[in-house]
Protein backbone atom coordinates (compact mmCIF):
# COMPACT_ATOMS: atom_id res chain seq x y z
CA UNK A 1 48.56 192.35 38.24
CA UNK A 2 47.85 189.22 36.93
CA UNK A 3 51.37 188.08 37.80
CA UNK A 4 51.48 189.28 41.55
CA UNK A 5 48.45 186.97 42.22
CA UNK A 6 50.22 184.07 41.10
CA UNK A 7 53.33 184.95 43.35
CA UNK A 8 54.01 182.97 46.30
CA UNK A 9 55.38 186.05 47.83
CA UNK A 10 52.10 187.84 47.87
CA UNK A 11 49.98 185.28 49.18
CA UNK A 12 52.73 184.70 51.89
CA UNK A 13 52.34 188.45 52.59
CA UNK A 14 48.61 188.46 52.53
CA UNK A 15 48.72 185.52 55.20
CA UNK A 16 50.98 187.45 57.32
CA UNK A 17 48.91 190.41 57.36
CA UNK A 18 45.61 188.28 57.96
CA UNK A 19 47.37 186.61 60.86
CA UNK A 20 48.31 189.89 62.54
CA UNK A 21 44.91 191.05 62.51
CA UNK A 22 43.85 187.75 63.90
CA UNK A 23 46.63 187.89 66.64
CA UNK A 24 45.74 191.47 67.56
CA UNK A 25 42.15 190.83 67.71
CA UNK A 26 42.80 187.81 69.93
CA UNK A 27 45.23 189.67 72.31
CA UNK A 28 48.04 187.54 71.31
CA UNK A 29 49.97 190.48 69.68
CA UNK A 30 50.45 194.16 71.00
CA UNK A 31 49.53 196.70 68.79
CA UNK A 32 53.32 197.39 68.07
CA UNK A 33 53.89 193.67 67.24
CA UNK A 34 50.94 193.57 64.77
CA UNK A 35 51.87 197.01 63.08
CA UNK A 36 55.33 195.41 62.40
CA UNK A 37 54.20 192.30 60.99
CA UNK A 38 51.66 194.28 58.76
CA UNK A 39 54.45 196.79 57.58
CA UNK A 40 56.64 193.56 56.78
CA UNK A 41 53.80 192.13 54.84
CA UNK A 42 53.13 195.37 52.98
CA UNK A 43 57.09 195.65 52.15
CA UNK A 44 57.01 191.91 50.83
CA UNK A 45 54.25 193.13 48.54
CA UNK A 46 55.59 196.08 46.98
CA UNK A 47 59.02 194.93 46.86
CA UNK A 48 57.86 191.81 44.52
CA UNK A 49 55.93 194.28 42.70
CA UNK A 50 58.75 196.55 42.11
CA UNK A 51 61.31 193.25 41.41
CA UNK A 52 59.03 192.24 38.74
CA UNK A 53 58.75 195.89 37.11
CA UNK A 54 62.37 196.17 37.23
CA UNK A 55 63.16 192.51 35.72
CA UNK A 56 60.55 193.52 32.84
CA UNK A 57 62.33 196.87 31.97
CA UNK A 58 65.83 195.06 32.02
CA UNK A 59 64.68 192.55 29.82
CA UNK A 60 63.32 195.22 27.38
CA UNK A 61 66.33 197.35 27.38
CA UNK A 62 69.04 194.77 27.53
CA UNK A 63 71.29 194.59 24.30
CA UNK A 64 70.90 191.65 22.07
CA UNK A 65 74.04 189.63 21.54
CA UNK A 66 74.39 188.11 18.41
CA UNK A 67 76.41 184.99 17.78
CA UNK A 68 79.20 185.29 15.37
CA UNK A 69 78.70 183.06 12.14
CA UNK A 70 81.14 180.14 12.14
CA UNK A 71 82.03 180.64 8.21
CA UNK A 72 85.30 179.22 8.47
CA UNK A 73 84.96 176.35 10.98
CA UNK A 74 83.84 173.04 9.51
CA UNK A 75 80.48 171.61 10.73
CA UNK A 76 80.58 168.21 12.55
CA UNK A 77 81.38 165.27 10.49
CA UNK A 78 83.02 167.40 7.94
CA UNK A 79 86.86 167.50 7.59
CA UNK A 80 89.02 170.97 6.83
């Protein structure tokens, strides 16, 4: 949860939800438009959380690629 609070996507979604409520209360947005904006904000939050979890799972399960040892290759500045 700490990582999501540092996310720009999270705060942009919260701002969209707040603006939707303010627009509806002021009469600028219709009920349908306000609900659509809230839904879009929630989708942004939940997709951001899902992407964070998915990237963590990928990092945990990804195979480690080891670099081959260069036994027969001379080091820089050495002659063969």
